[in-house]
Amino acid sequence: MAQTILIAGAGYVGSRAAELLIAAGHKVYVLRRKPKVPAGAEWIGADLLAPETLKNLPDCQHIVYCAAADQSGEEAYERIYVNGLRNLLEAYRKQGLTPHAIFTSSTSVYSEASGDWVDEAHGILVDKGPSRFMVAAERYLQNGPWQSTILRFGGIYGPQRTYFLQRVWHRQEKMWLGAPLYSNRIHREDCARLIRFAIEDARALSQVWNAVDHEPAERNEVIRWMAEKLKVETQDLATTNDFSEIAHRGNKRISNQKLLAAGFTFLYPTYKEGYAELFAEVRGA
């Protein structure tokens, strides 16, 4: 059944989600300051950080909040993830509306840093650093009058987002000599498909899902695989035991079993399927 959706923050993921939703027959509004929206979407010119601009918002069944901080510091995180979200939902509440709110959070909310497994029920959430404001946003949603779905995305990659792959290709990435470091990923297409799933499937209501693929990957293993496919000799790559010299954030293995049990299927179940389509893009760069 066709539904009406407002997407706040139609960037790398949100714009693709809008395209999938429009193709599925839904009515999509995109709220952003600049009138650059996917074909078929209707632009709402407003600023999430300026409550006075959030007026006469369209009646909709769902809000997808996937706005992103423009900087990495705590102040920027608080502005967009706490203040921006509150401003938008309070504007809707003042109009007498409480749509289902889908919030794109991050696996950085988990404090685990020793490579252990984490799931939605047992992960300890951070209480310091920028990601604590994502935790605050999640709690604001869970304690409010809105039905909500929280999607904790791992590292997002896909077309035009191949930084790590390019570093291996140019022999800039270093092999890590310390204990194994694990990372968790999800392809942009699966991010967008999951947002559509959360809109169309009633099982999404009041859920928190880890949005990661099937295979938490050990860092050196990923590099070896990429190097082999790119015809880069691993002995050409430098080694280091200095954590500041490697591109890596966090060290945890995140379970997606709860999401799979809800019926979601991945187009790219591991990084190997996802990156396989990106080699040509990197070689041609």
Protein backbone atom coordinates (compact mmCIF):
# COMPACT_ATOMS: atom_id res chain seq x y z
CA MET A 1 0.00 0.00 0.00
CA ALA A 2 1.35 3.42 -0.95
CA GLN A 3 2.42 5.53 2.02
CA THR A 4 3.68 9.06 2.58
CA ILE A 5 7.21 9.49 3.88
CA LEU A 6 9.34 12.47 4.83
CA ILE A 7 13.11 11.97 4.63
CA ALA A 8 15.20 14.40 6.65
CA GLY A 9 18.77 14.36 5.40
CA ALA A 10 18.73 12.85 1.93
CA GLY A 11 22.47 12.41 1.52
CA TYR A 12 24.40 9.30 0.52
CA VAL A 13 21.92 6.85 2.03
CA GLY A 14 18.78 8.94 2.25
CA SER A 15 18.77 9.86 -1.43
CA ARG A 16 19.03 6.22 -2.47
CA ALA A 17 16.27 5.26 -0.02
CA ALA A 18 14.09 7.97 -1.58
CA GLU A 19 14.68 6.50 -5.03
CA LEU A 20 13.69 3.00 -3.90
CA LEU A 21 10.58 4.27 -2.12
CA ILE A 22 9.46 6.33 -5.12
CA ALA A 23 10.00 3.33 -7.40
CA ALA A 24 7.80 1.29 -5.04
CA GLY A 25 4.97 3.79 -5.45
CA HIS A 26 5.28 5.77 -2.22
CA LYS A 27 4.95 9.54 -1.89
CA VAL A 28 8.28 10.98 -0.73
CA TYR A 29 9.09 14.41 0.65
CA VAL A 30 12.70 15.43 1.23
CA LEU A 31 13.44 18.03 3.87
CA ARG A 32 16.67 19.93 3.36
CA ARG A 33 17.92 23.48 2.93
CA LYS A 34 18.90 23.15 -0.73
CA PRO A 35 16.47 22.11 -3.50
CA LYS A 36 18.46 19.09 -4.60
CA VAL A 37 16.29 16.00 -4.34
CA PRO A 38 15.90 12.70 -6.20
CA ALA A 39 13.62 12.69 -9.21
CA GLY A 40 10.02 12.20 -8.15
CA ALA A 41 10.50 13.53 -4.61
CA GLU A 42 8.98 16.80 -3.38
CA TRP A 43 11.30 19.31 -1.72
CA ILE A 44 10.53 20.83 1.68
CA GLY A 45 12.84 23.81 2.16
CA ALA A 46 13.65 23.93 5.87
CA ASP A 47 16.51 23.76 8.35
CA LEU A 48 16.47 21.14 11.10
CA LEU A 49 18.41 23.49 13.36
CA ALA A 50 16.01 26.41 12.82
CA PRO A 51 12.64 25.47 14.41
CA GLU A 52 10.95 28.53 12.92
CA THR A 53 11.37 26.98 9.44
CA LEU A 54 9.70 23.71 10.44
CA LYS A 55 6.10 24.74 9.82
CA ASN A 56 3.25 23.37 7.70
CA LEU A 57 5.01 20.03 7.38
CA PRO A 58 3.30 17.41 5.23
CA ASP A 59 1.09 14.82 6.90
CA CYS A 60 2.95 11.52 6.62
CA GLN A 61 2.98 8.05 8.09
CA HIS A 62 6.77 7.86 8.43
CA ILE A 63 9.74 10.11 9.07
CA VAL A 64 13.19 8.84 8.11
CA TYR A 65 15.78 10.82 10.04
CA CYS A 66 19.13 10.22 8.36
CA ALA A 67 20.69 13.66 8.72
CA ALA A 68 24.41 13.49 9.41
CA ALA A 69 26.79 15.66 11.40
CA ASP A 70 28.96 17.90 9.22
CA GLN A 71 31.87 17.60 11.67
CA SER A 72 33.17 14.91 14.01
CA GLY A 73 33.10 16.82 17.31
CA GLU A 74 30.64 16.54 20.17
CA GLU A 75 29.01 19.90 19.49
CA ALA A 76 28.20 18.95 15.88
CA TYR A 77 26.79 15.58 16.99
CA GLU A 78 24.59 17.17 19.62
CA ARG A 79 23.26 19.76 17.15
CA ILE A 80 22.16 17.31 14.47
CA TYR A 81 21.34 14.10 16.32
CA VAL A 82 19.69 15.57 19.42
CA ASN A 83 18.57 19.10 18.62
CA GLY A 84 17.69 18.53 14.98
CA LEU A 85 15.70 15.38 15.70
CA ARG A 86 13.86 17.03 18.59
CA ASN A 87 13.08 20.12 16.52
CA LEU A 88 11.53 18.07 13.73
CA LEU A 89 9.46 15.76 15.91
CA GLU A 90 8.29 18.60 18.14
CA ALA A 91 7.19 20.51 15.05
CA TYR A 92 5.11 17.51 14.03
CA ARG A 93 3.69 17.13 17.54
CA LYS A 94 2.58 20.78 17.48
CA GLN A 95 0.67 19.95 14.28
CA GLY A 96 -1.05 17.13 16.15
CA LEU A 97 0.89 14.42 14.29
CA THR A 98 3.10 11.63 15.62
CA PRO A 99 4.44 9.68 12.61
CA HIS A 100 6.49 6.51 12.90
CA ALA A 101 10.10 7.72 13.21
CA ILE A 102 12.99 5.77 11.70
CA PHE A 103 16.35 6.93 13.05
CA THR A 104 19.59 5.94 11.36
CA SER A 105 21.97 5.52 14.27
CA SER A 106 25.40 3.88 14.27
CA THR A 107 27.19 0.86 15.71
CA SER A 108 29.55 3.42 17.26
CA VAL A 109 27.02 3.60 20.12
CA TYR A 110 28.47 0.31 21.41
CA SER A 111 31.40 0.67 23.80
CA GLU A 112 32.92 -2.75 23.04
CA ALA A 113 36.53 -2.38 21.87
CA SER A 114 38.12 -5.80 22.43
CA GLY A 115 36.77 -7.67 19.42
CA ASP A 116 33.94 -9.45 21.24
CA TRP A 117 30.47 -10.06 19.86
CA VAL A 118 27.71 -7.51 20.44
CA ASP A 119 23.96 -7.72 19.92
CA GLU A 120 21.08 -5.35 20.59
CA ALA A 121 20.21 -6.89 23.96
CA HIS A 122 23.67 -7.15 25.49
CA GLY A 123 25.79 -4.33 24.07
CA ILE A 124 26.88 -1.64 26.52
CA LEU A 125 26.24 1.83 25.11
CA VAL A 126 28.80 4.62 25.25
CA ASP A 127 28.45 7.41 27.79
CA LYS A 128 31.21 9.67 26.50
CA GLY A 129 32.48 10.99 23.18
CA PRO A 130 30.41 12.21 20.21
CA SER A 131 28.42 8.97 19.84
CA ARG A 132 26.79 9.51 23.24
CA PHE A 133 24.55 12.00 21.48
CA MET A 134 23.31 9.24 19.18
CA VAL A 135 22.48 7.26 22.32
CA ALA A 136 20.63 10.31 23.65
CA ALA A 137 18.66 10.57 20.39
CA GLU A 138 17.71 6.89 20.58
CA ARG A 139 16.46 7.31 24.15
CA TYR A 140 14.53 10.43 23.24
CA LEU A 141 12.68 8.44 20.59
CA GLN A 142 12.09 5.43 22.82
CA ASN A 143 10.69 7.59 25.64
CA GLY A 144 8.47 9.77 23.46
CA PRO A 145 4.95 9.37 22.05
CA TRP A 146 6.21 8.13 18.69
CA GLN A 147 6.49 4.62 17.40
CA SER A 148 10.10 4.29 16.37
CA THR A 149 12.60 2.08 14.61
CA ILE A 150 16.31 2.49 15.29
CA LEU A 151 18.78 1.24 12.69
CA ARG A 152 22.37 1.01 13.93
CA PHE A 153 24.41 1.09 10.75
CA GLY A 154 27.94 -0.24 10.53
CA GLY A 155 30.53 1.27 8.19
CA ILE A 156 28.70 2.28 5.02
CA TYR A 157 30.41 1.74 1.68
CA GLY A 158 29.38 1.59 -1.95
CA PRO A 159 29.66 3.63 -5.15
CA GLN A 160 31.79 6.76 -4.66
CA ARG A 161 32.65 5.61 -1.14
CA THR A 162 35.75 3.50 -1.67
CA TYR A 163 38.34 5.25 0.51
CA PHE A 164 39.75 2.09 2.11
CA LEU A 165 39.85 0.21 -1.18
CA GLN A 166 41.69 3.07 -2.84
CA ARG A 167 44.29 3.13 -0.08
CA VAL A 168 45.03 -0.56 -0.67
CA TRP A 169 45.20 0.05 -4.44
CA HIS A 170 47.72 2.88 -3.98
CA ARG A 171 49.80 0.93 -1.42
CA GLN A 172 48.98 3.47 1.28
CA GLU A 173 47.30 1.14 3.75
CA LYS A 174 49.46 -0.63 6.34
CA MET A 175 49.16 -4.17 7.67
CA TRP A 176 48.48 -4.24 11.40
CA LEU A 177 50.95 -6.15 13.59
CA GLY A 178 48.87 -6.13 16.76
CA ALA A 179 45.95 -8.28 17.93
CA PRO A 180 43.10 -8.78 15.42
CA LEU A 181 40.92 -5.74 14.74
CA TYR A 182 37.35 -6.32 13.61
CA SER A 183 35.07 -4.00 11.66
CA ASN A 184 31.46 -4.19 10.51
CA ARG A 185 30.09 -3.00 7.19
CA ILE A 186 26.94 -2.58 5.17
CA HIS A 187 26.55 -1.63 1.51
CA ARG A 188 24.59 1.53 0.73
CA GLU A 189 22.07 -0.46 -1.29
CA ASP A 190 21.26 -2.63 1.71
CA CYS A 191 20.98 0.49 3.89
CA ALA A 192 18.36 1.89 1.53
CA ARG A 193 16.58 -1.46 1.23
CA LEU A 194 16.45 -1.74 5.02
CA ILE A 195 14.85 1.70 5.32
CA ARG A 196 12.19 0.58 2.86
CA PHE A 197 11.76 -2.66 4.84
CA ALA A 198 11.28 -0.66 8.06
CA ILE A 199 8.53 1.34 6.36
CA GLU A 200 6.68 -1.52 4.71
CA ASP A 201 6.92 -4.25 7.36
CA ALA A 202 4.99 -3.93 10.63
CA ARG A 203 7.67 -5.98 12.39
CA ALA A 204 9.87 -2.88 12.37
CA LEU A 205 7.75 -0.97 14.87
CA SER A 206 9.45 -0.38 18.22
CA GLN A 207 12.55 -2.26 17.14
CA VAL A 208 16.28 -1.63 17.43
CA TRP A 209 18.27 -3.44 14.74
CA ASN A 210 21.96 -3.81 14.09
CA ALA A 211 22.30 -2.93 10.40
CA VAL A 212 25.44 -4.82 9.44
CA ASP A 213 26.15 -7.61 6.99
CA HIS A 214 26.84 -11.24 7.92
CA GLU A 215 30.59 -11.07 8.32
CA PRO A 216 32.43 -8.91 10.84
CA ALA A 217 35.80 -8.80 9.12
CA GLU A 218 39.31 -8.88 10.53
CA ARG A 219 41.22 -5.89 9.19
CA ASN A 220 44.26 -7.66 7.71
CA GLU A 221 42.03 -10.30 6.14
CA VAL A 222 40.10 -7.59 4.29
CA ILE A 223 43.34 -6.00 3.07
CA ARG A 224 44.73 -9.34 1.84
CA TRP A 225 41.53 -10.06 -0.07
CA MET A 226 41.43 -6.59 -1.63
CA ALA A 227 45.12 -6.76 -2.53
CA GLU A 228 44.68 -10.12 -4.23
CA LYS A 229 41.78 -8.87 -6.33
CA LEU A 230 43.64 -5.67 -7.23
CA LYS A 231 46.86 -7.56 -8.07
CA VAL A 232 48.73 -5.78 -5.28
CA GLU A 233 51.43 -7.80 -3.55
CA THR A 234 50.91 -7.71 0.20
CA GLN A 235 54.66 -7.51 0.70
CA ASP A 236 54.44 -4.12 -1.03
CA LEU A 237 52.38 -2.86 1.92
CA ALA A 238 54.12 -1.45 4.98
CA THR A 239 53.43 -2.80 8.46
CA THR A 240 52.85 -0.99 11.74
CA ASN A 241 51.98 -1.49 15.38
CA ASP A 242 51.22 2.21 15.83
CA PHE A 243 47.44 2.55 16.05
CA SER A 244 47.57 6.16 14.85
CA GLU A 245 48.97 5.01 11.49
CA ILE A 246 45.98 2.94 10.41
CA ALA A 247 42.52 3.87 9.21
CA HIS A 248 40.38 2.04 11.74
CA ARG A 249 37.60 2.84 14.18
CA GLY A 250 36.43 0.47 16.88
CA ASN A 251 37.00 -3.23 17.38
CA LYS A 252 33.87 -5.32 17.75
CA ARG A 253 31.92 -8.07 16.04
CA ILE A 254 28.28 -7.11 15.67
CA SER A 255 25.51 -9.65 15.27
CA ASN A 256 22.73 -9.08 12.73
CA GLN A 257 20.73 -12.15 13.79
CA LYS A 258 17.81 -10.13 15.14
CA LEU A 259 17.41 -8.36 11.80
CA LEU A 260 17.62 -11.62 9.88
CA ALA A 261 15.01 -13.18 12.16
CA ALA A 262 12.66 -10.32 11.24
CA GLY A 263 12.86 -11.40 7.60
CA PHE A 264 15.30 -8.95 6.05
CA THR A 265 17.60 -10.38 3.37
CA PHE A 266 20.85 -8.81 2.20
CA LEU A 267 21.74 -8.10 -1.39
CA TYR A 268 25.39 -7.96 -0.30
CA PRO A 269 25.77 -10.45 2.59
CA THR A 270 29.51 -9.81 3.03
CA TYR A 271 32.09 -7.24 2.00
CA LYS A 272 33.29 -9.55 -0.76
CA GLU A 273 30.07 -9.33 -2.76
CA GLY A 274 29.83 -5.59 -2.18
CA TYR A 275 33.37 -4.60 -3.04
CA ALA A 276 33.49 -6.90 -6.07
CA GLU A 277 31.43 -4.29 -7.94
CA LEU A 278 33.73 -1.43 -6.94
CA PHE A 279 37.09 -2.58 -8.29
CA ALA A 280 36.50 -1.02 -11.70
CA GLU A 281 35.64 2.30 -10.10
CA VAL A 282 38.88 2.29 -8.13
CA ARG A 283 41.10 1.23 -11.05
CA GLY A 284 39.63 3.96 -13.20
CA ALA A 285 40.10 6.69 -10.59
